[in-house]
N, C-alpha and C. Protein backbone atom coordinates (compact mmCIF):
# COMPACT_ATOMS: atom_id res chain seq x y z
N MET A 1 6.93 5.25 10.48
CA MET A 1 7.47 4.34 9.50
C MET A 1 7.92 3.09 10.25
N GLU A 2 7.55 1.94 9.74
CA GLU A 2 7.99 0.69 10.33
C GLU A 2 8.95 0.01 9.36
N ILE A 3 10.07 -0.46 9.89
CA ILE A 3 11.12 -1.03 9.05
C ILE A 3 11.54 -2.38 9.62
N THR A 4 11.71 -3.35 8.76
CA THR A 4 12.32 -4.60 9.18
C THR A 4 13.72 -4.63 8.59
N GLU A 5 14.64 -5.22 9.31
CA GLU A 5 16.01 -5.26 8.83
C GLU A 5 16.43 -6.70 8.58
N HIS A 6 17.18 -6.89 7.54
CA HIS A 6 17.68 -8.20 7.17
C HIS A 6 19.18 -8.09 6.90
N GLN A 7 19.91 -9.13 7.17
CA GLN A 7 21.33 -9.19 6.88
C GLN A 7 21.51 -10.14 5.71
N ARG A 8 22.03 -9.66 4.59
CA ARG A 8 22.22 -10.49 3.42
C ARG A 8 23.55 -10.13 2.79
N TYR A 9 24.38 -11.11 2.56
CA TYR A 9 25.69 -10.92 1.93
C TYR A 9 26.53 -9.88 2.66
N GLY A 10 26.39 -9.80 3.98
CA GLY A 10 27.17 -8.86 4.76
C GLY A 10 26.66 -7.43 4.67
N ILE A 11 25.53 -7.22 3.99
CA ILE A 11 24.95 -5.89 3.83
C ILE A 11 23.66 -5.82 4.62
N LYS A 12 23.50 -4.77 5.39
CA LYS A 12 22.27 -4.59 6.17
C LYS A 12 21.21 -3.96 5.27
N LEU A 13 20.11 -4.69 5.06
CA LEU A 13 19.02 -4.22 4.20
C LEU A 13 17.82 -3.86 5.05
N SER A 14 17.07 -2.86 4.64
CA SER A 14 15.86 -2.47 5.34
C SER A 14 14.68 -2.52 4.39
N LYS A 15 13.54 -2.95 4.91
CA LYS A 15 12.31 -3.00 4.12
C LYS A 15 11.27 -2.16 4.84
N ILE A 16 10.77 -1.17 4.16
CA ILE A 16 9.69 -0.34 4.71
C ILE A 16 8.38 -0.99 4.30
N PHE A 17 7.51 -1.28 5.27
CA PHE A 17 6.25 -1.91 4.92
C PHE A 17 5.04 -1.12 5.38
N CYS A 18 5.26 -0.01 6.09
CA CYS A 18 4.13 0.79 6.53
C CYS A 18 4.59 2.22 6.77
N LEU A 19 3.97 3.17 6.09
CA LEU A 19 4.26 4.59 6.29
C LEU A 19 3.07 5.21 7.01
N LYS A 20 3.35 5.96 8.06
CA LYS A 20 2.26 6.58 8.82
C LYS A 20 2.55 8.06 8.98
N PHE A 21 1.50 8.87 8.83
CA PHE A 21 1.60 10.31 9.07
C PHE A 21 0.22 10.80 9.46
N ALA A 22 0.11 11.34 10.66
CA ALA A 22 -1.19 11.81 11.19
C ALA A 22 -2.22 10.69 11.06
N ASP A 23 -3.28 10.91 10.27
CA ASP A 23 -4.29 9.87 10.13
C ASP A 23 -4.18 9.12 8.80
N ASP A 24 -3.02 9.23 8.15
CA ASP A 24 -2.79 8.52 6.89
C ASP A 24 -1.87 7.33 7.12
N VAL A 25 -2.17 6.24 6.44
CA VAL A 25 -1.35 5.04 6.50
C VAL A 25 -1.19 4.52 5.08
N ALA A 26 0.05 4.19 4.70
CA ALA A 26 0.32 3.55 3.42
C ALA A 26 0.98 2.21 3.72
N ILE A 27 0.41 1.14 3.20
CA ILE A 27 0.93 -0.20 3.42
C ILE A 27 1.65 -0.63 2.14
N VAL A 28 2.84 -1.18 2.30
CA VAL A 28 3.64 -1.62 1.16
C VAL A 28 3.89 -3.12 1.30
N ALA A 29 3.59 -3.87 0.25
CA ALA A 29 3.77 -5.33 0.28
C ALA A 29 4.41 -5.79 -1.03
N GLU A 30 5.02 -6.95 -0.98
CA GLU A 30 5.68 -7.49 -2.17
C GLU A 30 4.82 -8.48 -2.95
N SER A 31 3.69 -8.89 -2.38
CA SER A 31 2.83 -9.86 -3.09
C SER A 31 1.37 -9.56 -2.77
N ARG A 32 0.49 -10.12 -3.61
CA ARG A 32 -0.95 -9.95 -3.40
C ARG A 32 -1.37 -10.51 -2.05
N LEU A 33 -0.89 -11.70 -1.75
CA LEU A 33 -1.26 -12.36 -0.49
C LEU A 33 -0.75 -11.56 0.71
N GLU A 34 0.48 -11.11 0.64
CA GLU A 34 1.05 -10.33 1.74
C GLU A 34 0.25 -9.06 1.99
N LEU A 35 -0.18 -8.39 0.92
CA LEU A 35 -0.97 -7.17 1.08
C LEU A 35 -2.31 -7.46 1.75
N GLN A 36 -3.00 -8.53 1.32
CA GLN A 36 -4.28 -8.86 1.93
C GLN A 36 -4.10 -9.21 3.40
N GLU A 37 -3.04 -9.93 3.73
CA GLU A 37 -2.76 -10.27 5.13
C GLU A 37 -2.53 -9.00 5.96
N MET A 38 -1.83 -8.02 5.39
CA MET A 38 -1.57 -6.77 6.10
C MET A 38 -2.86 -5.96 6.27
N ILE A 39 -3.72 -5.98 5.27
CA ILE A 39 -5.02 -5.30 5.37
C ILE A 39 -5.87 -5.96 6.46
N ASP A 40 -5.86 -7.28 6.50
CA ASP A 40 -6.62 -8.00 7.53
C ASP A 40 -6.09 -7.70 8.92
N CYS A 41 -4.78 -7.60 9.05
CA CYS A 41 -4.15 -7.25 10.33
C CYS A 41 -4.55 -5.84 10.74
N LEU A 42 -4.55 -4.92 9.78
CA LEU A 42 -4.98 -3.54 10.05
C LEU A 42 -6.43 -3.52 10.52
N ALA A 43 -7.29 -4.33 9.88
CA ALA A 43 -8.70 -4.37 10.26
C ALA A 43 -8.86 -4.81 11.71
N LYS A 44 -8.10 -5.80 12.14
CA LYS A 44 -8.16 -6.24 13.53
C LYS A 44 -7.72 -5.13 14.48
N TYR A 45 -6.66 -4.41 14.11
CA TYR A 45 -6.18 -3.29 14.93
C TYR A 45 -7.24 -2.21 15.04
N ILE A 46 -7.88 -1.88 13.91
CA ILE A 46 -8.91 -0.84 13.87
C ILE A 46 -10.08 -1.21 14.78
N ILE A 47 -10.53 -2.46 14.69
CA ILE A 47 -11.65 -2.92 15.52
C ILE A 47 -11.26 -2.91 17.00
N ARG A 48 -10.09 -3.45 17.30
CA ARG A 48 -9.63 -3.54 18.69
C ARG A 48 -9.51 -2.17 19.34
N ASN A 49 -9.15 -1.15 18.56
CA ASN A 49 -8.95 0.19 19.10
C ASN A 49 -10.12 1.13 18.84
N LYS A 50 -11.24 0.55 18.39
CA LYS A 50 -12.48 1.29 18.14
C LYS A 50 -12.27 2.50 17.23
N LEU A 51 -11.56 2.25 16.14
CA LEU A 51 -11.32 3.28 15.13
C LEU A 51 -12.16 2.97 13.90
N GLU A 52 -12.10 3.84 12.90
CA GLU A 52 -12.83 3.62 11.65
C GLU A 52 -11.93 3.93 10.46
N ILE A 53 -12.20 3.26 9.37
CA ILE A 53 -11.51 3.53 8.11
C ILE A 53 -12.54 3.90 7.07
N ASN A 54 -12.25 4.92 6.29
CA ASN A 54 -13.12 5.32 5.19
C ASN A 54 -12.71 4.51 3.96
N THR A 55 -13.46 3.47 3.64
CA THR A 55 -13.08 2.60 2.53
C THR A 55 -13.22 3.28 1.17
N THR A 56 -13.98 4.36 1.08
CA THR A 56 -14.06 5.08 -0.20
C THR A 56 -12.76 5.85 -0.47
N LYS A 57 -12.01 6.17 0.56
CA LYS A 57 -10.72 6.82 0.39
C LYS A 57 -9.56 5.84 0.38
N SER A 58 -9.83 4.60 0.72
CA SER A 58 -8.79 3.56 0.77
C SER A 58 -8.66 2.93 -0.60
N GLN A 59 -7.45 3.02 -1.17
CA GLN A 59 -7.25 2.54 -2.53
C GLN A 59 -5.99 1.71 -2.63
N ILE A 60 -5.95 0.89 -3.66
CA ILE A 60 -4.81 0.01 -3.94
C ILE A 60 -4.12 0.51 -5.20
N MET A 61 -2.80 0.58 -5.16
CA MET A 61 -2.04 0.89 -6.35
C MET A 61 -0.94 -0.15 -6.50
N ILE A 62 -0.85 -0.74 -7.67
CA ILE A 62 0.11 -1.81 -7.93
C ILE A 62 1.25 -1.24 -8.77
N PHE A 63 2.46 -1.34 -8.24
CA PHE A 63 3.63 -0.95 -9.01
C PHE A 63 4.00 -2.12 -9.91
N ARG A 64 4.11 -1.84 -11.21
CA ARG A 64 4.45 -2.91 -12.14
C ARG A 64 5.30 -2.36 -13.27
N ASN A 65 6.03 -3.27 -13.91
CA ASN A 65 6.90 -2.90 -15.03
C ASN A 65 6.22 -3.19 -16.35
N GLY A 66 4.96 -2.89 -16.46
CA GLY A 66 4.22 -3.16 -17.67
C GLY A 66 3.22 -4.26 -17.42
N GLY A 67 2.49 -4.60 -18.42
CA GLY A 67 1.48 -5.64 -18.26
C GLY A 67 0.20 -5.06 -17.69
N GLN A 68 -0.79 -5.88 -17.65
CA GLN A 68 -2.10 -5.43 -17.19
C GLN A 68 -2.45 -6.11 -15.87
N LYS A 69 -3.40 -5.53 -15.20
CA LYS A 69 -3.90 -6.09 -13.96
C LYS A 69 -4.58 -7.42 -14.25
N ARG A 70 -4.28 -8.39 -13.40
CA ARG A 70 -4.96 -9.68 -13.54
C ARG A 70 -6.42 -9.53 -13.14
N LYS A 71 -7.29 -10.31 -13.78
CA LYS A 71 -8.72 -10.22 -13.49
C LYS A 71 -9.05 -10.63 -12.06
N ASP A 72 -8.24 -11.51 -11.48
CA ASP A 72 -8.53 -11.97 -10.13
C ASP A 72 -7.86 -11.11 -9.05
N GLU A 73 -7.20 -10.03 -9.46
CA GLU A 73 -6.56 -9.15 -8.47
C GLU A 73 -7.61 -8.26 -7.82
N LYS A 74 -7.81 -8.50 -6.53
CA LYS A 74 -8.70 -7.64 -5.76
C LYS A 74 -8.34 -7.80 -4.30
N TRP A 75 -8.60 -6.76 -3.56
CA TRP A 75 -8.32 -6.75 -2.14
C TRP A 75 -9.55 -6.22 -1.42
N THR A 76 -9.79 -6.74 -0.21
CA THR A 76 -10.95 -6.30 0.54
C THR A 76 -10.57 -5.88 1.95
N TYR A 77 -11.36 -4.97 2.48
CA TYR A 77 -11.25 -4.56 3.87
C TYR A 77 -12.59 -4.87 4.52
N ASN A 78 -12.61 -5.84 5.42
CA ASN A 78 -13.86 -6.28 6.08
C ASN A 78 -14.98 -6.55 5.07
N GLY A 79 -14.65 -7.23 3.99
CA GLY A 79 -15.64 -7.60 2.99
C GLY A 79 -15.93 -6.55 1.93
N VAL A 80 -15.36 -5.34 2.08
CA VAL A 80 -15.57 -4.27 1.10
C VAL A 80 -14.40 -4.26 0.12
N GLU A 81 -14.69 -4.41 -1.17
CA GLU A 81 -13.63 -4.40 -2.18
C GLU A 81 -13.04 -2.99 -2.30
N LEU A 82 -11.71 -2.92 -2.29
CA LEU A 82 -11.01 -1.63 -2.40
C LEU A 82 -10.71 -1.32 -3.86
N ALA A 83 -10.83 -0.06 -4.22
CA ALA A 83 -10.59 0.38 -5.60
C ALA A 83 -9.11 0.27 -5.94
N ILE A 84 -8.83 -0.13 -7.18
CA ILE A 84 -7.46 -0.18 -7.70
C ILE A 84 -7.29 1.03 -8.61
N VAL A 85 -6.24 1.83 -8.36
CA VAL A 85 -6.02 3.07 -9.11
C VAL A 85 -4.68 3.03 -9.82
N ASN A 86 -4.51 3.90 -10.83
CA ASN A 86 -3.26 3.98 -11.59
C ASN A 86 -2.29 5.02 -11.04
N SER A 87 -2.81 5.93 -10.21
CA SER A 87 -1.93 6.90 -9.56
C SER A 87 -2.53 7.25 -8.21
N TYR A 88 -1.66 7.68 -7.30
CA TYR A 88 -2.12 8.00 -5.94
C TYR A 88 -1.24 9.08 -5.36
N LYS A 89 -1.87 10.09 -4.81
CA LYS A 89 -1.12 11.17 -4.18
C LYS A 89 -1.04 10.90 -2.68
N TYR A 90 0.18 10.77 -2.17
CA TYR A 90 0.40 10.52 -0.74
C TYR A 90 1.35 11.58 -0.21
N LEU A 91 0.86 12.37 0.74
CA LEU A 91 1.64 13.45 1.34
C LEU A 91 2.25 14.38 0.30
N GLY A 92 1.46 14.67 -0.74
CA GLY A 92 1.88 15.63 -1.75
C GLY A 92 2.67 15.05 -2.90
N PHE A 93 3.04 13.79 -2.86
CA PHE A 93 3.79 13.16 -3.94
C PHE A 93 2.89 12.22 -4.70
N THR A 94 2.90 12.33 -6.03
CA THR A 94 2.06 11.47 -6.87
C THR A 94 2.85 10.24 -7.29
N PHE A 95 2.37 9.08 -6.88
CA PHE A 95 2.94 7.80 -7.28
C PHE A 95 2.14 7.27 -8.45
N THR A 96 2.81 6.57 -9.36
CA THR A 96 2.12 5.93 -10.49
C THR A 96 2.48 4.45 -10.53
N THR A 97 1.70 3.68 -11.26
CA THR A 97 1.93 2.24 -11.33
C THR A 97 3.28 1.89 -11.94
N PHE A 98 3.82 2.78 -12.79
CA PHE A 98 5.11 2.52 -13.41
C PHE A 98 6.26 3.11 -12.60
N ASN A 99 5.94 3.73 -11.46
CA ASN A 99 6.93 4.27 -10.53
C ASN A 99 7.88 5.27 -11.22
N VAL A 100 7.29 6.17 -12.00
CA VAL A 100 8.07 7.23 -12.64
C VAL A 100 7.65 8.57 -12.05
N MET A 101 8.52 9.54 -12.12
CA MET A 101 8.25 10.84 -11.50
C MET A 101 7.55 11.82 -12.44
N SER A 102 7.35 11.46 -13.70
CA SER A 102 6.80 12.41 -14.68
C SER A 102 5.44 12.96 -14.25
N GLU A 103 4.57 12.14 -13.69
CA GLU A 103 3.25 12.61 -13.25
C GLU A 103 3.39 13.62 -12.13
N HIS A 104 4.28 13.35 -11.20
CA HIS A 104 4.49 14.27 -10.07
C HIS A 104 5.10 15.59 -10.57
N VAL A 105 6.04 15.51 -11.48
CA VAL A 105 6.70 16.72 -11.99
C VAL A 105 5.71 17.59 -12.76
N LYS A 106 4.76 16.97 -13.50
CA LYS A 106 3.74 17.71 -14.25
C LYS A 106 2.93 18.61 -13.34
N GLN A 107 2.67 18.14 -12.13
CA GLN A 107 1.83 18.88 -11.20
C GLN A 107 2.63 19.96 -10.54
C-alpha cells in the first residue's frame, strides 16, 4: 500500500493511491486525468522491469453518487482500451460504483 500524507487544518490526512498484494494492483485516483497518468506510469514501470499485464483482466471501476458514465470516459494501457465495469471483486471484497456493501453482503 502506498500512502501520501498531507497536513490540513492541523489534522494529518492520508491518501491511499495504490493497493498491492502478490500480483494484484489496484490504482485509486480522484480524477480521470490522474488515473490515466497513473496507468501510463505503471506501463513505464512494467516495460522497464520486463513484466506483463493481462489487459483482459485489467478493468476500470468508477465510484459515483449517481449519474451515468460520460461518453468520453475511457482509459487505455499502451493503446489498449480498458473495460469499465459496475462491480469488481478485489481480494474477496466486491466493490460497486455506488460504494455500498449490499453486493458484497449478498455473496
